[in-house]
Amino acid sequence: QVRLVESGGGLVQAGGSLRLSCTASGRTFSTSVMGWFRQAPGKEREFLGVIYWSGDITYYADSVKGRFTISRDNAKNTVYLQMNTLKPEDTAVYYCAAGTNFEVIRTTPNYWGQGTQVTVSS
């Protein structure tokens, strides 16, 4: 089992920045890819991007490319989601996920965090 714990959510004004963290514990060696998703009220969960634990490989959805950056700290088993130039439409619950490969994490991640609320005020 892999446990994922997100933190860093909160209230921020439009145009501001926020950094989310996701710390993994347990059998982390069983997963090679970490991803970020979000779900706004009344909407489906949206894929944001991924990062691999090894190598400098990241992938972003078009909706956040250029504003959001995913990074990692392997020593801390932690991945980050740096969000800049936030907009009210970025308001959502943000989740991290872990998967064995890119396709798995895009469709049916093996593990989910509990989510952290991000609210962007106008």
N, C-alpha and C. Protein backbone atom coordinates (compact mmCIF):
# COMPACT_ATOMS: atom_id res chain seq x y z
N GLN A 1 0.83 -1.20 0.00
CA GLN A 1 0.00 0.00 0.00
C GLN A 1 0.87 1.25 0.00
N VAL A 2 0.33 2.28 -0.61
CA VAL A 2 0.99 3.57 -0.64
C VAL A 2 0.03 4.60 -0.06
N ARG A 3 0.51 5.39 0.86
CA ARG A 3 -0.31 6.44 1.45
C ARG A 3 0.17 7.78 0.94
N LEU A 4 -0.79 8.59 0.50
CA LEU A 4 -0.48 9.91 -0.03
C LEU A 4 -1.18 10.98 0.81
N VAL A 5 -0.43 11.98 1.23
CA VAL A 5 -1.00 13.04 2.05
C VAL A 5 -0.68 14.38 1.42
N GLU A 6 -1.73 15.10 1.03
CA GLU A 6 -1.55 16.43 0.44
C GLU A 6 -1.59 17.49 1.53
N SER A 7 -0.96 18.60 1.24
CA SER A 7 -1.02 19.76 2.13
C SER A 7 -0.74 21.01 1.30
N GLY A 8 -1.03 22.16 1.90
CA GLY A 8 -0.70 23.42 1.25
C GLY A 8 -1.87 24.16 0.65
N GLY A 9 -3.04 23.56 0.69
CA GLY A 9 -4.21 24.26 0.14
C GLY A 9 -4.61 25.44 1.02
N GLY A 10 -5.51 26.24 0.49
CA GLY A 10 -5.98 27.39 1.25
C GLY A 10 -6.68 28.39 0.37
N LEU A 11 -6.82 29.59 0.91
CA LEU A 11 -7.49 30.69 0.20
C LEU A 11 -6.43 31.66 -0.32
N VAL A 12 -6.56 32.01 -1.59
CA VAL A 12 -5.60 32.93 -2.19
C VAL A 12 -6.35 33.86 -3.14
N GLN A 13 -5.85 35.05 -3.31
CA GLN A 13 -6.47 35.99 -4.24
C GLN A 13 -6.07 35.68 -5.67
N ALA A 14 -6.93 36.05 -6.59
CA ALA A 14 -6.62 35.87 -8.00
C ALA A 14 -5.29 36.55 -8.33
N GLY A 15 -4.50 35.86 -9.13
CA GLY A 15 -3.17 36.36 -9.48
C GLY A 15 -2.08 35.88 -8.56
N GLY A 16 -2.47 35.30 -7.46
CA GLY A 16 -1.51 34.83 -6.48
C GLY A 16 -0.98 33.44 -6.80
N SER A 17 -0.16 32.95 -5.89
CA SER A 17 0.48 31.65 -6.07
C SER A 17 0.25 30.78 -4.84
N LEU A 18 0.37 29.49 -5.06
CA LEU A 18 0.22 28.53 -3.98
C LEU A 18 1.04 27.30 -4.35
N ARG A 19 1.63 26.66 -3.37
CA ARG A 19 2.35 25.42 -3.62
C ARG A 19 1.76 24.31 -2.77
N LEU A 20 1.35 23.26 -3.47
CA LEU A 20 0.82 22.07 -2.81
C LEU A 20 1.93 21.03 -2.69
N SER A 21 1.83 20.25 -1.63
CA SER A 21 2.78 19.16 -1.42
C SER A 21 2.02 17.84 -1.31
N CYS A 22 2.67 16.78 -1.72
CA CYS A 22 2.10 15.44 -1.59
C CYS A 22 3.23 14.52 -1.15
N THR A 23 3.10 14.00 0.06
CA THR A 23 4.12 13.11 0.61
C THR A 23 3.64 11.68 0.57
N ALA A 24 4.47 10.84 0.01
CA ALA A 24 4.13 9.42 -0.14
C ALA A 24 4.85 8.60 0.92
N SER A 25 4.17 7.57 1.39
CA SER A 25 4.78 6.64 2.34
C SER A 25 4.29 5.25 2.02
N GLY A 26 4.99 4.27 2.58
CA GLY A 26 4.63 2.89 2.31
C GLY A 26 5.44 2.33 1.16
N ARG A 27 4.82 1.53 0.33
CA ARG A 27 5.51 0.84 -0.75
C ARG A 27 5.66 1.75 -1.97
N THR A 28 6.33 2.86 -1.77
CA THR A 28 6.47 3.85 -2.84
C THR A 28 7.26 3.31 -4.03
N PHE A 29 8.10 2.30 -3.80
CA PHE A 29 8.87 1.74 -4.90
C PHE A 29 7.97 1.05 -5.92
N SER A 30 6.72 0.78 -5.55
CA SER A 30 5.80 0.09 -6.46
C SER A 30 5.18 1.04 -7.48
N THR A 31 5.42 2.32 -7.31
CA THR A 31 4.85 3.31 -8.24
C THR A 31 5.99 4.11 -8.86
N SER A 32 5.86 4.42 -10.14
CA SER A 32 6.90 5.17 -10.82
C SER A 32 6.47 6.56 -11.22
N VAL A 33 5.17 6.84 -11.14
CA VAL A 33 4.65 8.10 -11.63
C VAL A 33 3.73 8.71 -10.57
N MET A 34 3.86 10.00 -10.37
CA MET A 34 2.97 10.73 -9.49
C MET A 34 2.22 11.77 -10.31
N GLY A 35 0.96 11.96 -9.98
CA GLY A 35 0.16 12.90 -10.75
C GLY A 35 -0.66 13.82 -9.87
N TRP A 36 -1.14 14.89 -10.48
CA TRP A 36 -2.03 15.82 -9.81
C TRP A 36 -3.34 15.94 -10.59
N PHE A 37 -4.42 16.00 -9.86
CA PHE A 37 -5.75 16.16 -10.41
C PHE A 37 -6.47 17.23 -9.60
N ARG A 38 -7.59 17.68 -10.12
CA ARG A 38 -8.45 18.56 -9.34
C ARG A 38 -9.90 18.30 -9.70
N GLN A 39 -10.77 18.64 -8.77
CA GLN A 39 -12.20 18.50 -9.02
C GLN A 39 -12.92 19.70 -8.46
N ALA A 40 -13.53 20.45 -9.35
CA ALA A 40 -14.33 21.60 -8.95
C ALA A 40 -15.75 21.15 -8.69
N PRO A 41 -16.50 21.92 -7.91
CA PRO A 41 -17.88 21.56 -7.59
C PRO A 41 -18.71 21.36 -8.86
N GLY A 42 -19.38 20.23 -8.93
CA GLY A 42 -20.24 19.95 -10.06
C GLY A 42 -19.53 19.54 -11.32
N LYS A 43 -18.22 19.36 -11.25
CA LYS A 43 -17.45 18.99 -12.45
C LYS A 43 -16.74 17.67 -12.23
N GLU A 44 -16.33 17.07 -13.33
CA GLU A 44 -15.57 15.83 -13.25
C GLU A 44 -14.13 16.13 -12.82
N ARG A 45 -13.50 15.08 -12.29
CA ARG A 45 -12.12 15.23 -11.91
C ARG A 45 -11.26 15.49 -13.15
N GLU A 46 -10.36 16.45 -13.04
CA GLU A 46 -9.55 16.88 -14.17
C GLU A 46 -8.08 16.53 -13.94
N PHE A 47 -7.48 15.91 -14.94
CA PHE A 47 -6.06 15.58 -14.89
C PHE A 47 -5.24 16.84 -15.13
N LEU A 48 -4.20 17.06 -14.31
CA LEU A 48 -3.37 18.26 -14.44
C LEU A 48 -1.97 17.95 -14.98
N GLY A 49 -1.36 16.89 -14.49
CA GLY A 49 -0.01 16.59 -14.94
C GLY A 49 0.62 15.49 -14.12
N VAL A 50 1.80 15.05 -14.55
CA VAL A 50 2.51 13.97 -13.88
C VAL A 50 3.99 14.29 -13.80
N ILE A 51 4.65 13.57 -12.92
CA ILE A 51 6.10 13.58 -12.85
C ILE A 51 6.55 12.17 -12.50
N TYR A 52 7.66 11.78 -13.08
CA TYR A 52 8.23 10.48 -12.78
C TYR A 52 9.20 10.62 -11.61
N TRP A 53 9.26 9.55 -10.78
CA TRP A 53 10.18 9.59 -9.66
C TRP A 53 11.63 9.63 -10.13
N SER A 54 11.90 9.04 -11.28
CA SER A 54 13.26 9.07 -11.81
C SER A 54 13.27 9.77 -13.14
N GLY A 55 14.34 10.49 -13.38
CA GLY A 55 14.42 11.24 -14.63
C GLY A 55 13.67 12.56 -14.53
N ASP A 56 13.90 13.40 -15.46
CA ASP A 56 13.28 14.72 -15.47
C ASP A 56 12.12 14.75 -16.47
N ILE A 57 11.17 13.89 -16.22
CA ILE A 57 10.04 13.79 -17.14
C ILE A 57 8.79 14.32 -16.45
N THR A 58 8.19 15.31 -17.09
CA THR A 58 6.91 15.83 -16.63
C THR A 58 5.98 15.96 -17.82
N TYR A 59 4.72 16.01 -17.53
CA TYR A 59 3.70 16.19 -18.58
C TYR A 59 2.57 16.99 -17.98
N TYR A 60 2.06 17.96 -18.75
CA TYR A 60 1.02 18.83 -18.24
C TYR A 60 -0.17 18.86 -19.18
N ALA A 61 -1.35 19.00 -18.58
CA ALA A 61 -2.53 19.24 -19.39
C ALA A 61 -2.46 20.65 -19.96
N ASP A 62 -3.06 20.84 -21.11
CA ASP A 62 -3.02 22.16 -21.76
C ASP A 62 -3.63 23.25 -20.88
N SER A 63 -4.59 22.87 -20.07
CA SER A 63 -5.31 23.86 -19.26
C SER A 63 -4.42 24.54 -18.22
N VAL A 64 -3.30 23.90 -17.85
CA VAL A 64 -2.45 24.48 -16.81
C VAL A 64 -1.00 24.68 -17.27
N LYS A 65 -0.72 24.28 -18.48
CA LYS A 65 0.65 24.39 -18.98
C LYS A 65 1.09 25.85 -18.96
N GLY A 66 2.26 26.10 -18.41
CA GLY A 66 2.79 27.45 -18.33
C GLY A 66 2.48 28.15 -17.02
N ARG A 67 1.44 27.69 -16.30
CA ARG A 67 1.10 28.30 -15.00
C ARG A 67 1.43 27.38 -13.84
N PHE A 68 1.30 26.09 -14.06
CA PHE A 68 1.54 25.11 -13.00
C PHE A 68 2.83 24.35 -13.30
N THR A 69 3.58 24.04 -12.23
CA THR A 69 4.82 23.28 -12.38
C THR A 69 4.85 22.18 -11.33
N ILE A 70 5.18 20.98 -11.79
CA ILE A 70 5.30 19.83 -10.89
C ILE A 70 6.78 19.53 -10.69
N SER A 71 7.15 19.32 -9.44
CA SER A 71 8.53 18.97 -9.12
C SER A 71 8.52 17.90 -8.02
N ARG A 72 9.68 17.42 -7.70
CA ARG A 72 9.74 16.36 -6.69
C ARG A 72 11.00 16.50 -5.87
N ASP A 73 10.95 15.88 -4.68
CA ASP A 73 12.12 15.74 -3.81
C ASP A 73 12.16 14.28 -3.40
N ASN A 74 12.98 13.51 -4.09
CA ASN A 74 13.00 12.07 -3.84
C ASN A 74 13.40 11.74 -2.42
N ALA A 75 14.29 12.53 -1.84
CA ALA A 75 14.75 12.26 -0.48
C ALA A 75 13.61 12.36 0.52
N LYS A 76 12.62 13.19 0.19
CA LYS A 76 11.47 13.39 1.09
C LYS A 76 10.23 12.63 0.61
N ASN A 77 10.37 11.89 -0.49
CA ASN A 77 9.22 11.20 -1.08
C ASN A 77 8.05 12.16 -1.29
N THR A 78 8.36 13.34 -1.75
CA THR A 78 7.37 14.39 -1.87
C THR A 78 7.37 14.98 -3.28
N VAL A 79 6.20 15.20 -3.79
CA VAL A 79 6.03 15.92 -5.05
C VAL A 79 5.28 17.21 -4.76
N TYR A 80 5.51 18.19 -5.61
CA TYR A 80 4.94 19.51 -5.40
C TYR A 80 4.17 19.95 -6.63
N LEU A 81 3.19 20.79 -6.39
CA LEU A 81 2.47 21.44 -7.48
C LEU A 81 2.53 22.94 -7.21
N GLN A 82 3.37 23.62 -7.96
CA GLN A 82 3.48 25.07 -7.85
C GLN A 82 2.47 25.69 -8.79
N MET A 83 1.58 26.50 -8.25
CA MET A 83 0.52 27.10 -9.04
C MET A 83 0.69 28.62 -9.02
N ASN A 84 0.85 29.19 -10.18
CA ASN A 84 1.05 30.63 -10.31
C ASN A 84 -0.10 31.26 -11.09
N THR A 85 -0.22 32.56 -10.95
CA THR A 85 -1.25 33.32 -11.66
C THR A 85 -2.61 32.64 -11.51
N LEU A 86 -2.97 32.36 -10.30
CA LEU A 86 -4.20 31.62 -10.04
C LEU A 86 -5.44 32.43 -10.42
N LYS A 87 -6.45 31.71 -10.88
CA LYS A 87 -7.71 32.31 -11.31
C LYS A 87 -8.85 31.73 -10.49
N PRO A 88 -9.95 32.44 -10.39
CA PRO A 88 -11.09 31.87 -9.64
C PRO A 88 -11.51 30.50 -10.16
N GLU A 89 -11.36 30.27 -11.45
CA GLU A 89 -11.75 28.96 -11.99
C GLU A 89 -10.79 27.85 -11.60
N ASP A 90 -9.70 28.17 -10.93
CA ASP A 90 -8.80 27.14 -10.40
C ASP A 90 -9.31 26.61 -9.07
N THR A 91 -10.36 27.21 -8.54
CA THR A 91 -10.93 26.74 -7.28
C THR A 91 -11.40 25.30 -7.42
N ALA A 92 -10.90 24.44 -6.54
CA ALA A 92 -11.21 23.01 -6.62
C ALA A 92 -10.56 22.30 -5.45
N VAL A 93 -10.90 21.03 -5.32
CA VAL A 93 -10.15 20.15 -4.43
C VAL A 93 -9.05 19.52 -5.28
N TYR A 94 -7.84 19.62 -4.81
CA TYR A 94 -6.68 19.11 -5.55
C TYR A 94 -6.22 17.80 -4.92
N TYR A 95 -6.00 16.83 -5.79
CA TYR A 95 -5.61 15.49 -5.35
C TYR A 95 -4.28 15.10 -5.98
N CYS A 96 -3.47 14.39 -5.24
CA CYS A 96 -2.34 13.74 -5.87
C CYS A 96 -2.65 12.26 -5.98
N ALA A 97 -1.96 11.61 -6.89
CA ALA A 97 -2.19 10.20 -7.16
C ALA A 97 -0.87 9.54 -7.52
N ALA A 98 -0.83 8.24 -7.36
CA ALA A 98 0.35 7.47 -7.71
C ALA A 98 -0.05 6.32 -8.61
N GLY A 99 0.84 6.02 -9.55
CA GLY A 99 0.55 4.94 -10.48
C GLY A 99 1.80 4.24 -10.94
N THR A 100 1.58 3.08 -11.55
CA THR A 100 2.73 2.30 -12.01
C THR A 100 3.28 2.79 -13.34
N ASN A 101 2.44 3.48 -14.12
CA ASN A 101 2.92 4.05 -15.37
C ASN A 101 2.00 5.18 -15.80
N PHE A 102 2.34 5.82 -16.89
CA PHE A 102 1.62 7.01 -17.33
C PHE A 102 0.16 6.71 -17.64
N GLU A 103 -0.09 5.64 -18.38
CA GLU A 103 -1.47 5.33 -18.75
C GLU A 103 -2.32 5.01 -17.54
N VAL A 104 -1.74 4.30 -16.59
CA VAL A 104 -2.48 3.98 -15.37
C VAL A 104 -2.84 5.25 -14.62
N ILE A 105 -1.89 6.14 -14.48
CA ILE A 105 -2.18 7.32 -13.68
C ILE A 105 -3.14 8.26 -14.40
N ARG A 106 -3.16 8.22 -15.72
CA ARG A 106 -4.11 9.05 -16.45
C ARG A 106 -5.53 8.55 -16.31
N THR A 107 -5.70 7.26 -16.18
CA THR A 107 -7.03 6.66 -16.22
C THR A 107 -7.50 6.17 -14.86
N THR A 108 -6.76 5.26 -14.26
CA THR A 108 -7.16 4.68 -12.98
C THR A 108 -5.95 4.57 -12.07
N PRO A 109 -5.56 5.68 -11.45
CA PRO A 109 -4.40 5.64 -10.55
C PRO A 109 -4.53 4.55 -9.49
N ASN A 110 -3.40 4.02 -9.10
CA ASN A 110 -3.40 2.97 -8.10
C ASN A 110 -3.73 3.51 -6.71
N TYR A 111 -3.32 4.74 -6.45
CA TYR A 111 -3.52 5.33 -5.12
C TYR A 111 -3.89 6.80 -5.25
N TRP A 112 -4.71 7.25 -4.28
CA TRP A 112 -5.15 8.64 -4.24
C TRP A 112 -4.85 9.23 -2.86
N GLY A 113 -4.60 10.52 -2.84
CA GLY A 113 -4.56 11.24 -1.58
C GLY A 113 -5.97 11.66 -1.20
N GLN A 114 -6.08 12.30 -0.05
CA GLN A 114 -7.41 12.69 0.45
C GLN A 114 -7.89 14.01 -0.13
N GLY A 115 -6.99 14.75 -0.74
CA GLY A 115 -7.37 16.02 -1.36
C GLY A 115 -7.14 17.20 -0.44
N THR A 116 -6.90 18.35 -1.06
CA THR A 116 -6.75 19.60 -0.32
C THR A 116 -7.48 20.70 -1.08
N GLN A 117 -8.22 21.52 -0.36
CA GLN A 117 -9.05 22.55 -0.98
C GLN A 117 -8.22 23.77 -1.34
N VAL A 118 -8.40 24.23 -2.56
CA VAL A 118 -7.81 25.49 -3.01
C VAL A 118 -8.95 26.40 -3.44
N THR A 119 -9.01 27.58 -2.86
CA THR A 119 -10.03 28.55 -3.20
C THR A 119 -9.37 29.84 -3.64
N VAL A 120 -9.73 30.28 -4.84
CA VAL A 120 -9.16 31.50 -5.40
C VAL A 120 -10.26 32.55 -5.45
N SER A 121 -10.05 33.63 -4.74
CA SER A 121 -11.06 34.69 -4.69
C SER A 121 -10.77 35.73 -5.76
N SER A 122 -11.83 36.32 -6.26
CA SER A 122 -11.68 37.33 -7.34
C SER A 122 -11.51 38.72 -6.76
